[in-house]
PDB file of all heavy atoms in Angstrom:
ATOM      1  N   LEU A   1      33.874 -25.737 -44.146  1.00  0.00           N
ATOM      2  CA  LEU A   1      34.180 -26.588 -45.296  1.00  0.00           C
ATOM      3  C   LEU A   1      35.341 -27.477 -44.878  1.00  0.00           C
ATOM      4  O   LEU A   1      36.386 -26.975 -44.447  1.00  0.00           O
ATOM      5  CB  LEU A   1      34.539 -25.774 -46.535  1.00  0.00           C
ATOM      6  CG  LEU A   1      33.401 -24.883 -47.080  1.00  0.00           C
ATOM      7  CD1 LEU A   1      33.528 -23.458 -46.559  1.00  0.00           C
ATOM      8  CD2 LEU A   1      33.376 -24.902 -48.593  1.00  0.00           C
ATOM      9  N   VAL A   2      35.150 -28.775 -44.969  1.00  0.00           N
ATOM     10  CA  VAL A   2      36.141 -29.745 -44.519  1.00  0.00           C
ATOM     11  C   VAL A   2      36.793 -30.360 -45.751  1.00  0.00           C
ATOM     12  O   VAL A   2      36.155 -31.077 -46.513  1.00  0.00           O
ATOM     13  CB  VAL A   2      35.490 -30.832 -43.647  1.00  0.00           C
ATOM     14  CG1 VAL A   2      36.559 -31.781 -43.110  1.00  0.00           C
ATOM     15  CG2 VAL A   2      34.717 -30.201 -42.495  1.00  0.00           C
ATOM     16  N   GLY A   3      38.083 -30.053 -45.930  1.00  0.00           N
ATOM     17  CA  GLY A   3      38.780 -30.450 -47.144  1.00  0.00           C
ATOM     18  C   GLY A   3      39.014 -29.248 -48.037  1.00  0.00           C
ATOM     19  O   GLY A   3      38.527 -28.142 -47.769  1.00  0.00           O
ATOM     20  N   LEU A   4      39.755 -29.445 -49.100  1.00  0.00           N
ATOM     21  CA  LEU A   4      40.064 -28.361 -50.042  1.00  0.00           C
ATOM     22  C   LEU A   4      38.894 -28.178 -51.003  1.00  0.00           C
ATOM     23  O   LEU A   4      38.561 -29.098 -51.752  1.00  0.00           O
ATOM     24  CB  LEU A   4      41.339 -28.695 -50.812  1.00  0.00           C
ATOM     25  CG  LEU A   4      41.773 -27.683 -51.873  1.00  0.00           C
ATOM     26  CD1 LEU A   4      42.141 -26.353 -51.240  1.00  0.00           C
ATOM     27  CD2 LEU A   4      42.938 -28.239 -52.689  1.00  0.00           C
ATOM     28  N   PRO A   5      38.244 -27.004 -51.014  1.00  0.00           N
ATOM     29  CA  PRO A   5      37.099 -26.792 -51.901  1.00  0.00           C
ATOM     30  C   PRO A   5      37.545 -26.538 -53.345  1.00  0.00           C
ATOM     31  O   PRO A   5      37.736 -25.394 -53.767  1.00  0.00           O
ATOM     32  CB  PRO A   5      36.412 -25.568 -51.297  1.00  0.00           C
ATOM     33  CG  PRO A   5      37.517 -24.811 -50.638  1.00  0.00           C
ATOM     34  CD  PRO A   5      38.488 -25.854 -50.134  1.00  0.00           C
ATOM     35  N   ALA A   6      37.706 -27.610 -54.075  1.00  0.00           N
ATOM     36  CA  ALA A   6      38.158 -27.523 -55.464  1.00  0.00           C
ATOM     37  C   ALA A   6      37.032 -27.967 -56.392  1.00  0.00           C
ATOM     38  O   ALA A   6      35.987 -28.434 -55.959  1.00  0.00           O
ATOM     39  CB  ALA A   6      39.397 -28.398 -55.670  1.00  0.00           C
ATOM     40  N   GLY A   7      37.256 -27.800 -57.695  1.00  0.00           N
ATOM     41  CA  GLY A   7      36.255 -28.216 -58.669  1.00  0.00           C
ATOM     42  C   GLY A   7      34.939 -27.492 -58.447  1.00  0.00           C
ATOM     43  O   GLY A   7      34.895 -26.296 -58.188  1.00  0.00           O
ATOM     44  N   TYR A   8      33.842 -28.255 -58.514  1.00  0.00           N
ATOM     45  CA  TYR A   8      32.521 -27.637 -58.327  1.00  0.00           C
ATOM     46  C   TYR A   8      32.352 -27.072 -56.921  1.00  0.00           C
ATOM     47  O   TYR A   8      31.531 -26.177 -56.705  1.00  0.00           O
ATOM     48  CB  TYR A   8      31.423 -28.663 -58.599  1.00  0.00           C
ATOM     49  CG  TYR A   8      31.238 -28.975 -60.067  1.00  0.00           C
ATOM     50  CD1 TYR A   8      31.564 -30.217 -60.589  1.00  0.00           C
ATOM     51  CD2 TYR A   8      30.732 -28.007 -60.942  1.00  0.00           C
ATOM     52  CE1 TYR A   8      31.395 -30.502 -61.934  1.00  0.00           C
ATOM     53  CE2 TYR A   8      30.558 -28.278 -62.294  1.00  0.00           C
ATOM     54  CZ  TYR A   8      30.892 -29.532 -62.783  1.00  0.00           C
ATOM     55  OH  TYR A   8      30.727 -29.809 -64.126  1.00  0.00           O
ATOM     56  N   GLN A   9      33.123 -27.570 -55.958  1.00  0.00           N
ATOM     57  CA  GLN A   9      32.938 -27.097 -54.581  1.00  0.00           C
ATOM     58  C   GLN A   9      33.606 -25.749 -54.327  1.00  0.00           C
ATOM     59  O   GLN A   9      33.429 -25.174 -53.257  1.00  0.00           O
ATOM     60  CB  GLN A   9      33.405 -28.151 -53.580  1.00  0.00           C
ATOM     61  CG  GLN A   9      32.731 -29.505 -53.756  1.00  0.00           C
ATOM     62  CD  GLN A   9      31.285 -29.442 -54.251  1.00  0.00           C
ATOM     63  OE1 GLN A   9      30.460 -28.686 -53.737  1.00  0.00           O
ATOM     64  NE2 GLN A   9      30.967 -30.247 -55.263  1.00  0.00           N
ATOM     65  N   MET A  10      34.339 -25.242 -55.296  1.00  0.00           N
ATOM     66  CA  MET A  10      34.765 -23.843 -55.194  1.00  0.00           C
ATOM     67  C   MET A  10      33.532 -22.938 -55.242  1.00  0.00           C
ATOM     68  O   MET A  10      33.472 -21.914 -54.550  1.00  0.00           O
ATOM     69  CB  MET A  10      35.731 -23.499 -56.333  1.00  0.00           C
ATOM     70  CG  MET A  10      36.333 -22.106 -56.210  1.00  0.00           C
ATOM     71  SD  MET A  10      37.299 -21.914 -54.690  1.00  0.00           S
ATOM     72  CE  MET A  10      37.192 -20.149 -54.456  1.00  0.00           C
ATOM     73  N   THR A  11      32.538 -23.340 -56.022  1.00  0.00           N
ATOM     74  CA  THR A  11      31.273 -22.605 -56.035  1.00  0.00           C
ATOM     75  C   THR A  11      30.611 -22.666 -54.661  1.00  0.00           C
ATOM     76  O   THR A  11      30.046 -21.678 -54.182  1.00  0.00           O
ATOM     77  CB  THR A  11      30.329 -23.186 -57.100  1.00  0.00           C
ATOM     78  OG1 THR A  11      30.936 -23.072 -58.385  1.00  0.00           O
ATOM     79  CG2 THR A  11      28.991 -22.457 -57.110  1.00  0.00           C
ATOM     80  N   SER A  12      30.707 -23.832 -53.996  1.00  0.00           N
ATOM     81  CA  SER A  12      30.153 -23.957 -52.651  1.00  0.00           C
ATOM     82  C   SER A  12      30.857 -23.021 -51.671  1.00  0.00           C
ATOM     83  O   SER A  12      30.227 -22.473 -50.756  1.00  0.00           O
ATOM     84  CB  SER A  12      30.277 -25.407 -52.166  1.00  0.00           C
ATOM     85  OG  SER A  12      29.498 -26.277 -52.958  1.00  0.00           O
ATOM     86  N   PHE A  13      32.158 -22.838 -51.841  1.00  0.00           N
ATOM     87  CA  PHE A  13      32.922 -21.936 -50.981  1.00  0.00           C
ATOM     88  C   PHE A  13      32.447 -20.495 -51.166  1.00  0.00           C
ATOM     89  O   PHE A  13      32.214 -19.763 -50.194  1.00  0.00           O
ATOM     90  CB  PHE A  13      34.404 -22.073 -51.292  1.00  0.00           C
ATOM     91  CG  PHE A  13      35.327 -21.296 -50.393  1.00  0.00           C
ATOM     92  CD1 PHE A  13      34.963 -20.933 -49.113  1.00  0.00           C
ATOM     93  CD2 PHE A  13      36.599 -20.925 -50.836  1.00  0.00           C
ATOM     94  CE1 PHE A  13      35.821 -20.225 -48.275  1.00  0.00           C
ATOM     95  CE2 PHE A  13      37.466 -20.227 -50.021  1.00  0.00           C
ATOM     96  CZ  PHE A  13      37.073 -19.864 -48.739  1.00  0.00           C
ATOM     97  N   ILE A  14      32.266 -20.083 -52.413  1.00  0.00           N
ATOM     98  CA  ILE A  14      31.741 -18.740 -52.688  1.00  0.00           C
ATOM     99  C   ILE A  14      30.341 -18.602 -52.089  1.00  0.00           C
ATOM    100  O   ILE A  14      30.002 -17.573 -51.476  1.00  0.00           O
ATOM    101  CB  ILE A  14      31.698 -18.475 -54.201  1.00  0.00           C
ATOM    102  CG1 ILE A  14      33.101 -18.566 -54.814  1.00  0.00           C
ATOM    103  CG2 ILE A  14      31.063 -17.115 -54.493  1.00  0.00           C
ATOM    104  CD1 ILE A  14      34.083 -17.557 -54.308  1.00  0.00           C
ATOM    105  N   THR A  15      29.535 -19.647 -52.229  1.00  0.00           N
ATOM    106  CA  THR A  15      28.187 -19.646 -51.658  1.00  0.00           C
ATOM    107  C   THR A  15      28.236 -19.486 -50.147  1.00  0.00           C
ATOM    108  O   THR A  15      27.415 -18.770 -49.555  1.00  0.00           O
ATOM    109  CB  THR A  15      27.470 -20.956 -52.029  1.00  0.00           C
ATOM    110  OG1 THR A  15      27.290 -21.006 -53.440  1.00  0.00           O
ATOM    111  CG2 THR A  15      26.108 -21.052 -51.351  1.00  0.00           C
ATOM    112  N   ALA A  16      29.196 -20.153 -49.498  1.00  0.00           N
ATOM    113  CA  ALA A  16      29.349 -20.039 -48.043  1.00  0.00           C
ATOM    114  C   ALA A  16      29.643 -18.598 -47.645  1.00  0.00           C
ATOM    115  O   ALA A  16      29.053 -18.073 -46.683  1.00  0.00           O
ATOM    116  CB  ALA A  16      30.461 -20.965 -47.560  1.00  0.00           C
ATOM    117  N   MET A  17      30.545 -17.948 -48.365  1.00  0.00           N
ATOM    118  CA  MET A  17      30.879 -16.563 -48.053  1.00  0.00           C
ATOM    119  C   MET A  17      29.676 -15.650 -48.232  1.00  0.00           C
ATOM    120  O   MET A  17      29.405 -14.769 -47.397  1.00  0.00           O
ATOM    121  CB  MET A  17      32.066 -16.101 -48.912  1.00  0.00           C
ATOM    122  CG  MET A  17      33.380 -16.754 -48.527  1.00  0.00           C
ATOM    123  SD  MET A  17      34.830 -16.002 -49.312  1.00  0.00           S
ATOM    124  CE  MET A  17      34.799 -16.822 -50.904  1.00  0.00           C
ATOM    125  N   GLN A  18      28.922 -15.861 -49.304  1.00  0.00           N
ATOM    126  CA  GLN A  18      27.747 -15.025 -49.535  1.00  0.00           C
ATOM    127  C   GLN A  18      26.682 -15.258 -48.472  1.00  0.00           C
ATOM    128  O   GLN A  18      26.069 -14.308 -47.975  1.00  0.00           O
ATOM    129  CB  GLN A  18      27.186 -15.305 -50.928  1.00  0.00           C
ATOM    130  CG  GLN A  18      28.112 -14.843 -52.049  1.00  0.00           C
ATOM    131  CD  GLN A  18      27.536 -15.148 -53.425  1.00  0.00           C
ATOM    132  OE1 GLN A  18      26.931 -16.191 -53.632  1.00  0.00           O
ATOM    133  NE2 GLN A  18      27.740 -14.242 -54.363  1.00  0.00           N
ATOM    134  N   ALA A  19      26.468 -16.524 -48.104  1.00  0.00           N
ATOM    135  CA  ALA A  19      25.456 -16.840 -47.088  1.00  0.00           C
ATOM    136  C   ALA A  19      25.774 -16.159 -45.763  1.00  0.00           C
ATOM    137  O   ALA A  19      24.897 -15.580 -45.115  1.00  0.00           O
ATOM    138  CB  ALA A  19      25.369 -18.360 -46.905  1.00  0.00           C
ATOM    139  N   VAL A  20      27.042 -16.212 -45.355  1.00  0.00           N
ATOM    140  CA  VAL A  20      27.443 -15.619 -44.077  1.00  0.00           C
ATOM    141  C   VAL A  20      27.331 -14.099 -44.132  1.00  0.00           C
ATOM    142  O   VAL A  20      26.795 -13.467 -43.210  1.00  0.00           O
ATOM    143  CB  VAL A  20      28.872 -16.056 -43.707  1.00  0.00           C
ATOM    144  CG1 VAL A  20      29.363 -15.318 -42.462  1.00  0.00           C
ATOM    145  CG2 VAL A  20      28.918 -17.568 -43.465  1.00  0.00           C
ATOM    146  N   ALA A  21      27.817 -13.502 -45.207  1.00  0.00           N
ATOM    147  CA  ALA A  21      27.797 -12.036 -45.314  1.00  0.00           C
ATOM    148  C   ALA A  21      26.378 -11.486 -45.381  1.00  0.00           C
ATOM    149  O   ALA A  21      26.081 -10.427 -44.815  1.00  0.00           O
ATOM    150  CB  ALA A  21      28.590 -11.594 -46.540  1.00  0.00           C
ATOM    151  N   PHE A  22      25.477 -12.221 -46.051  1.00  0.00           N
ATOM    152  CA  PHE A  22      24.090 -11.769 -46.187  1.00  0.00           C
ATOM    153  C   PHE A  22      23.181 -12.321 -45.092  1.00  0.00           C
ATOM    154  O   PHE A  22      21.959 -12.146 -45.150  1.00  0.00           O
ATOM    155  CB  PHE A  22      23.543 -12.156 -47.563  1.00  0.00           C
ATOM    156  CG  PHE A  22      24.023 -11.274 -48.687  1.00  0.00           C
ATOM    157  CD1 PHE A  22      25.103 -11.658 -49.473  1.00  0.00           C
ATOM    158  CD2 PHE A  22      23.410 -10.064 -48.956  1.00  0.00           C
ATOM    159  CE1 PHE A  22      25.553 -10.856 -50.513  1.00  0.00           C
ATOM    160  CE2 PHE A  22      23.849  -9.254 -49.987  1.00  0.00           C
ATOM    161  CZ  PHE A  22      24.929  -9.650 -50.772  1.00  0.00           C
ATOM    162  N   GLN A  23      23.780 -13.001 -44.092  1.00  0.00           N
ATOM    163  CA  GLN A  23      23.057 -13.487 -42.917  1.00  0.00           C
ATOM    164  C   GLN A  23      21.883 -14.407 -43.267  1.00  0.00           C
ATOM    165  O   GLN A  23      20.825 -14.381 -42.630  1.00  0.00           O
ATOM    166  CB  GLN A  23      22.581 -12.320 -42.052  1.00  0.00           C
ATOM    167  CG  GLN A  23      23.734 -11.435 -41.587  1.00  0.00           C
ATOM    168  CD  GLN A  23      23.294 -10.348 -40.623  1.00  0.00           C
ATOM    169  OE1 GLN A  23      22.428 -10.559 -39.791  1.00  0.00           O
ATOM    170  NE2 GLN A  23      23.892  -9.178 -40.738  1.00  0.00           N
ATOM    171  N   GLY A  24      22.097 -15.223 -44.304  1.00  0.00           N
ATOM    172  CA  GLY A  24      21.084 -16.206 -44.663  1.00  0.00           C
ATOM    173  C   GLY A  24      19.858 -15.648 -45.337  1.00  0.00           C
ATOM    174  O   GLY A  24      18.817 -16.309 -45.417  1.00  0.00           O
ATOM    175  N   SER A  25      19.947 -14.432 -45.861  1.00  0.00           N
ATOM    176  CA  SER A  25      18.768 -13.781 -46.435  1.00  0.00           C
ATOM    177  C   SER A  25      18.306 -14.409 -47.746  1.00  0.00           C
ATOM    178  O   SER A  25      17.208 -14.097 -48.219  1.00  0.00           O
ATOM    179  CB  SER A  25      19.044 -12.288 -46.657  1.00  0.00           C
ATOM    180  OG  SER A  25      20.100 -12.107 -47.591  1.00  0.00           O
ATOM    181  N   ALA A  26      19.096 -15.325 -48.322  1.00  0.00           N
ATOM    182  CA  ALA A  26      18.681 -15.989 -49.557  1.00  0.00           C
ATOM    183  C   ALA A  26      17.632 -17.066 -49.304  1.00  0.00           C
ATOM    184  O   ALA A  26      17.043 -17.589 -50.252  1.00  0.00           O
ATOM    185  CB  ALA A  26      19.898 -16.610 -50.256  1.00  0.00           C
ATOM    186  N   LEU A  27      17.393 -17.406 -48.044  1.00  0.00           N
ATOM    187  CA  LEU A  27      16.364 -18.403 -47.729  1.00  0.00           C
ATOM    188  C   LEU A  27      14.978 -17.873 -48.077  1.00  0.00           C
ATOM    189  O   LEU A  27      14.710 -16.669 -48.003  1.00  0.00           O
ATOM    190  CB  LEU A  27      16.395 -18.755 -46.243  1.00  0.00           C
ATOM    191  CG  LEU A  27      17.606 -19.525 -45.717  1.00  0.00           C
ATOM    192  CD1 LEU A  27      17.531 -19.612 -44.200  1.00  0.00           C
ATOM    193  CD2 LEU A  27      17.690 -20.913 -46.334  1.00  0.00           C
ATOM    194  N   GLU A  28      14.097 -18.796 -48.413  1.00  0.00           N
ATOM    195  CA  GLU A  28      12.710 -18.418 -48.641  1.00  0.00           C
ATOM    196  C   GLU A  28      12.096 -17.894 -47.341  1.00  0.00           C
ATOM    197  O   GLU A  28      12.479 -18.311 -46.245  1.00  0.00           O
ATOM    198  CB  GLU A  28      11.917 -19.629 -49.137  1.00  0.00           C
ATOM    199  CG  GLU A  28      12.401 -20.170 -50.481  1.00  0.00           C
ATOM    200  CD  GLU A  28      11.720 -21.465 -50.865  1.00  0.00           C
ATOM    201  OE1 GLU A  28      10.801 -21.902 -50.123  1.00  0.00           O
ATOM    202  OE2 GLU A  28      12.088 -22.047 -51.893  1.00  0.00           O
ATOM    203  N   ALA A  29      11.132 -17.016 -47.454  1.00  0.00           N
ATOM    204  CA  ALA A  29      10.494 -16.419 -46.277  1.00  0.00           C
ATOM    205  C   ALA A  29       9.884 -17.495 -45.381  1.00  0.00           C
ATOM    206  O   ALA A  29       9.993 -17.429 -44.144  1.00  0.00           O
ATOM    207  CB  ALA A  29       9.427 -15.418 -46.713  1.00  0.00           C
ATOM    208  N   LYS A  30       9.242 -18.487 -45.976  1.00  0.00           N
ATOM    209  CA  LYS A  30       8.635 -19.565 -45.193  1.00  0.00           C
ATOM    210  C   LYS A  30       9.691 -20.313 -44.378  1.00  0.00           C
ATOM    211  O   LYS A  30       9.466 -20.654 -43.209  1.00  0.00           O
ATOM    212  CB  LYS A  30       7.896 -20.533 -46.120  1.00  0.00           C
ATOM    213  CG  LYS A  30       7.235 -21.683 -45.391  1.00  0.00           C
ATOM    214  CD  LYS A  30       6.526 -22.619 -46.369  1.00  0.00           C
ATOM    215  CE  LYS A  30       5.904 -23.802 -45.651  1.00  0.00           C
ATOM    216  NZ  LYS A  30       5.231 -24.728 -46.598  1.00  0.00           N
ATOM    217  N   THR A  31      10.856 -20.553 -44.979  1.00  0.00           N
ATOM    218  CA  THR A  31      11.935 -21.250 -44.281  1.00  0.00           C
ATOM    219  C   THR A  31      12.427 -20.439 -43.099  1.00  0.00           C
ATOM    220  O   THR A  31      12.646 -20.978 -42.006  1.00  0.00           O
ATOM    221  CB  THR A  31      13.106 -21.534 -45.244  1.00  0.00           C
ATOM    222  OG1 THR A  31      12.627 -22.316 -46.347  1.00  0.00           O
ATOM    223  CG2 THR A  31      14.226 -22.283 -44.544  1.00  0.00           C
ATOM    224  N   ARG A  32      12.588 -19.142 -43.273  1.00  0.00           N
ATOM    225  CA  ARG A  32      13.051 -18.282 -42.178  1.00  0.00           C
ATOM    226  C   ARG A  32      12.063 -18.296 -41.017  1.00  0.00           C
ATOM    227  O   ARG A  32      12.456 -18.331 -39.849  1.00  0.00           O
ATOM    228  CB  ARG A  32      13.293 -16.857 -42.680  1.00  0.00           C
ATOM    229  CG  ARG A  32      14.453 -16.751 -43.677  1.00  0.00           C
ATOM    230  CD  ARG A  32      14.947 -15.319 -43.799  1.00  0.00           C
ATOM    231  NE  ARG A  32      13.919 -14.417 -44.288  1.00  0.00           N
ATOM    232  CZ  ARG A  32      13.660 -14.176 -45.576  1.00  0.00           C
ATOM    233  NH1 ARG A  32      14.369 -14.796 -46.513  1.00  0.00           N
ATOM    234  NH2 ARG A  32      12.726 -13.324 -45.933  1.00  0.00           N
ATOM    235  N   ILE A  33      10.774 -18.272 -41.329  1.00  0.00           N
ATOM    236  CA  ILE A  33       9.743 -18.310 -40.282  1.00  0.00           C
ATOM    237  C   ILE A  33       9.822 -19.628 -39.510  1.00  0.00           C
ATOM    238  O   ILE A  33       9.772 -19.656 -38.276  1.00  0.00           O
ATOM    239  CB  ILE A  33       8.342 -18.118 -40.898  1.00  0.00           C
ATOM    240  CG1 ILE A  33       8.197 -16.697 -41.442  1.00  0.00           C
ATOM    241  CG2 ILE A  33       7.253 -18.405 -39.865  1.00  0.00           C
ATOM    242  CD1 ILE A  33       6.950 -16.478 -42.284  1.00  0.00           C
ATOM    243  N   GLN A  34       9.967 -20.739 -40.243  1.00  0.00           N
ATOM    244  CA  GLN A  34      10.025 -22.050 -39.589  1.00  0.00           C
ATOM    245  C   GLN A  34      11.276 -22.191 -38.725  1.00  0.00           C
ATOM    246  O   GLN A  34      11.219 -22.740 -37.624  1.00  0.00           O
ATOM    247  CB  GLN A  34       9.973 -23.155 -40.649  1.00  0.00           C
ATOM    248  CG  GLN A  34       8.628 -23.263 -41.353  1.00  0.00           C
ATOM    249  CD  GLN A  34       8.658 -24.214 -42.524  1.00  0.00           C
ATOM    250  OE1 GLN A  34       9.616 -24.249 -43.306  1.00  0.00           O
ATOM    251  NE2 GLN A  34       7.601 -24.993 -42.676  1.00  0.00           N
ATOM    252  N   LEU A  35      12.398 -21.695 -39.205  1.00  0.00           N
ATOM    253  CA  LEU A  35      13.647 -21.826 -38.454  1.00  0.00           C
ATOM    254  C   LEU A  35      13.723 -20.856 -37.286  1.00  0.00           C
ATOM    255  O   LEU A  35      14.484 -21.089 -36.339  1.00  0.00           O
ATOM    256  CB  LEU A  35      14.851 -21.607 -39.378  1.00  0.00           C
ATOM    257  CG  LEU A  35      15.073 -22.664 -40.462  1.00  0.00           C
ATOM    258  CD1 LEU A  35      16.304 -22.310 -41.291  1.00  0.00           C
ATOM    259  CD2 LEU A  35      15.222 -24.056 -39.862  1.00  0.00           C
ATOM    260  N   HIS A  36      12.949 -19.806 -37.344  1.00  0.00           N
ATOM    261  CA  HIS A  36      12.988 -18.803 -36.272  1.00  0.00           C
ATOM    262  C   HIS A  36      12.602 -19.405 -34.923  1.00  0.00           C
ATOM    263  O   HIS A  36      13.111 -18.995 -33.876  1.00  0.00           O
ATOM    264  CB  HIS A  36      12.060 -17.635 -36.603  1.00  0.00           C
ATOM    265  CG  HIS A  36      12.142 -16.511 -35.617  1.00  0.00           C
ATOM    266  ND1 HIS A  36      13.241 -15.673 -35.532  1.00  0.00           N
ATOM    267  CD2 HIS A  36      11.265 -16.092 -34.651  1.00  0.00           C
ATOM    268  CE1 HIS A  36      13.048 -14.795 -34.575  1.00  0.00           C
ATOM    269  NE2 HIS A  36      11.856 -15.028 -34.021  1.00  0.00           N
ATOM    270  N   GLY A  37      11.718 -20.396 -34.960  1.00  0.00           N
ATOM    271  CA  GLY A  37      11.276 -21.012 -33.716  1.00  0.00           C
ATOM    272  C   GLY A  37      12.127 -22.190 -33.270  1.00  0.00           C
ATOM    273  O   GLY A  37      11.844 -22.802 -32.233  1.00  0.00           O
ATOM    274  N   LEU A  38      13.181 -22.501 -34.001  1.00  0.00           N
ATOM    275  CA  LEU A  38      14.034 -23.645 -33.657  1.00  0.00           C
ATOM    276  C   LEU A  38      14.808 -23.366 -32.374  1.00  0.00           C
ATOM    277  O   LEU A  38      15.460 -22.326 -32.244  1.00  0.00           O
ATOM    278  CB  LEU A  38      15.006 -23.923 -34.810  1.00  0.00           C
ATOM    279  CG  LEU A  38      15.953 -25.111 -34.648  1.00  0.00           C
ATOM    280  CD1 LEU A  38      15.182 -26.418 -34.678  1.00  0.00           C
ATOM    281  CD2 LEU A  38      17.015 -25.099 -35.768  1.00  0.00           C
ATOM    282  N   GLN A  39      14.751 -24.301 -31.431  1.00  0.00           N
ATOM    283  CA  GLN A  39      15.463 -24.145 -30.168  1.00  0.00           C
ATOM    284  C   GLN A  39      16.523 -25.231 -29.951  1.00  0.00           C
ATOM    285  O   GLN A  39      17.448 -25.037 -29.171  1.00  0.00           O
ATOM    286  CB  GLN A  39      14.471 -24.177 -28.996  1.00  0.00           C
ATOM    287  CG  GLN A  39      13.460 -23.036 -29.012  1.00  0.00           C
ATOM    288  CD  GLN A  39      14.123 -21.661 -28.935  1.00  0.00           C
ATOM    289  OE1 GLN A  39      15.070 -21.465 -28.179  1.00  0.00           O
ATOM    290  NE2 GLN A  39      13.635 -20.721 -29.736  1.00  0.00           N
ATOM    291  N   GLN A  40      16.407 -26.362 -30.632  1.00  0.00           N
ATOM    292  CA  GLN A  40      17.361 -27.449 -30.473  1.00  0.00           C
ATOM    293  C   GLN A  40      18.556 -27.272 -31.411  1.00  0.00           C
ATOM    294  O   GLN A  40      18.458 -26.614 -32.445  1.00  0.00           O
ATOM    295  CB  GLN A  40      16.687 -28.796 -30.751  1.00  0.00           C
ATOM    296  CG  GLN A  40      15.568 -29.145 -29.795  1.00  0.00           C
ATOM    297  CD  GLN A  40      14.212 -28.651 -30.276  1.00  0.00           C
ATOM    298  OE1 GLN A  40      14.129 -27.790 -31.151  1.00  0.00           O
ATOM    299  NE2 GLN A  40      13.146 -29.184 -29.695  1.00  0.00           N
ATOM    300  N   GLU A  41      19.680 -27.873 -31.010  1.00  0.00           N
ATOM    301  CA  GLU A  41      20.884 -27.786 -31.828  1.00  0.00           C
ATOM    302  C   GLU A  41      20.803 -28.752 -33.004  1.00  0.00           C
ATOM    303  O   GLU A  41      20.390 -29.906 -32.846  1.00  0.00           O
ATOM    304  CB  GLU A  41      22.123 -28.106 -30.976  1.00  0.00           C
ATOM    305  CG  GLU A  41      22.332 -27.137 -29.816  1.00  0.00           C
ATOM    306  CD  GLU A  41      22.442 -25.698 -30.283  1.00  0.00           C
ATOM    307  OE1 GLU A  41      23.262 -25.415 -31.173  1.00  0.00           O
ATOM    308  OE2 GLU A  41      21.706 -24.849 -29.756  1.00  0.00           O
ATOM    309  N   VAL A  42      21.217 -28.275 -34.175  1.00  0.00           N
ATOM    310  CA  VAL A  42      21.154 -29.077 -35.405  1.00  0.00           C
ATOM    311  C   VAL A  42      22.513 -29.043 -36.088  1.00  0.00           C
ATOM    312  O   VAL A  42      23.108 -27.971 -36.259  1.00  0.00           O
ATOM    313  CB  VAL A  42      20.069 -28.532 -36.371  1.00  0.00           C
ATOM    314  CG1 VAL A  42      20.115 -29.268 -37.709  1.00  0.00           C
ATOM    315  CG2 VAL A  42      18.690 -28.661 -35.739  1.00  0.00           C
ATOM    316  N   LYS A  43      22.971 -30.218 -36.491  1.00  0.00           N
ATOM    317  CA  LYS A  43      24.222 -30.334 -37.234  1.00  0.00           C
ATOM    318  C   LYS A  43      23.928 -30.910 -38.613  1.00  0.00           C
ATOM    319  O   LYS A  43      23.457 -32.042 -38.731  1.00  0.00           O
ATOM    320  CB  LYS A  43      25.209 -31.237 -36.487  1.00  0.00           C
ATOM    321  CG  LYS A  43      26.577 -31.358 -37.151  1.00  0.00           C
ATOM    322  CD  LYS A  43      27.494 -32.243 -36.318  1.00  0.00           C
ATOM    323  CE  LYS A  43      28.893 -32.338 -36.923  1.00  0.00           C
ATOM    324  NZ  LYS A  43      29.789 -33.204 -36.099  1.00  0.00           N
ATOM    325  N   LEU A  44      24.192 -30.126 -39.635  1.00  0.00           N
ATOM    326  CA  LEU A  44      24.001 -30.551 -41.023  1.00  0.00           C
ATOM    327  C   LEU A  44      25.355 -30.883 -41.624  1.00  0.00           C
ATOM    328  O   LEU A  44      26.259 -30.042 -41.615  1.00  0.00           O
ATOM    329  CB  LEU A  44      23.333 -29.444 -41.837  1.00  0.00           C
ATOM    330  CG  LEU A  44      21.972 -28.938 -41.323  1.00  0.00           C
ATOM    331  CD1 LEU A  44      21.497 -27.767 -42.172  1.00  0.00           C
ATOM    332  CD2 LEU A  44      20.939 -30.055 -41.327  1.00  0.00           C
ATOM    333  N   GLU A  45      25.500 -32.102 -42.137  1.00  0.00           N
ATOM    334  CA  GLU A  45      26.745 -32.518 -42.771  1.00  0.00           C
ATOM    335  C   GLU A  45      26.457 -32.919 -44.219  1.00  0.00           C
ATOM    336  O   GLU A  45      25.756 -33.903 -44.467  1.00  0.00           O
ATOM    337  CB  GLU A  45      27.365 -33.699 -42.026  1.00  0.00           C
ATOM    338  CG  GLU A  45      27.813 -33.359 -40.611  1.00  0.00           C
ATOM    339  CD  GLU A  45      28.298 -34.577 -39.860  1.00  0.00           C
ATOM    340  OE1 GLU A  45      27.441 -35.352 -39.382  1.00  0.00           O
ATOM    341  OE2 GLU A  45      29.520 -34.767 -39.759  1.00  0.00           O
ATOM    342  N   LEU A  46      26.996 -32.151 -45.141  1.00  0.00           N
ATOM    343  CA  LEU A  46      26.814 -32.413 -46.569  1.00  0.00           C
ATOM    344  C   LEU A  46      28.075 -33.065 -47.114  1.00  0.00           C
ATOM    345  O   LEU A  46      29.145 -32.467 -47.099  1.00  0.00           O
ATOM    346  CB  LEU A  46      26.534 -31.115 -47.324  1.00  0.00           C
ATOM    347  CG  LEU A  46      26.402 -31.236 -48.847  1.00  0.00           C
ATOM    348  CD1 LEU A  46      25.186 -32.081 -49.215  1.00  0.00           C
ATOM    349  CD2 LEU A  46      26.325 -29.859 -49.492  1.00  0.00           C
ATOM    350  N   ILE A  47      27.943 -34.294 -47.576  1.00  0.00           N
ATOM    351  CA  ILE A  47      29.082 -35.012 -48.139  1.00  0.00           C
ATOM    352  C   ILE A  47      28.990 -34.927 -49.646  1.00  0.00           C
ATOM    353  O   ILE A  47      27.983 -35.315 -50.263  1.00  0.00           O
ATOM    354  CB  ILE A  47      29.109 -36.473 -47.655  1.00  0.00           C
ATOM    355  CG1 ILE A  47      29.139 -36.508 -46.125  1.00  0.00           C
ATOM    356  CG2 ILE A  47      30.324 -37.205 -48.212  1.00  0.00           C
ATOM    357  CD1 ILE A  47      29.048 -37.889 -45.529  1.00  0.00           C
ATOM    358  N   THR A  48      30.034 -34.413 -50.261  1.00  0.00           N
ATOM    359  CA  THR A  48      30.042 -34.191 -51.698  1.00  0.00           C
ATOM    360  C   THR A  48      31.449 -34.472 -52.230  1.00  0.00           C
ATOM    361  O   THR A  48      32.249 -35.114 -51.561  1.00  0.00           O
ATOM    362  CB  THR A  48      29.565 -32.758 -52.026  1.00  0.00           C
ATOM    363  OG1 THR A  48      29.513 -32.578 -53.444  1.00  0.00           O
ATOM    364  CG2 THR A  48      30.461 -31.709 -51.401  1.00  0.00           C
TER     365      THR A  48
END
């Protein structure tokens, strides 16, 4: 998280902690299958 996660993005911070602790298990099964075969590096930048 780049910047101070305030306002609605405090929820994003909590979401980040949950995602990491649960190892991404909140993803849909189809998404996990598709990402399992990913070999290239991907950088996702969400501006909010």
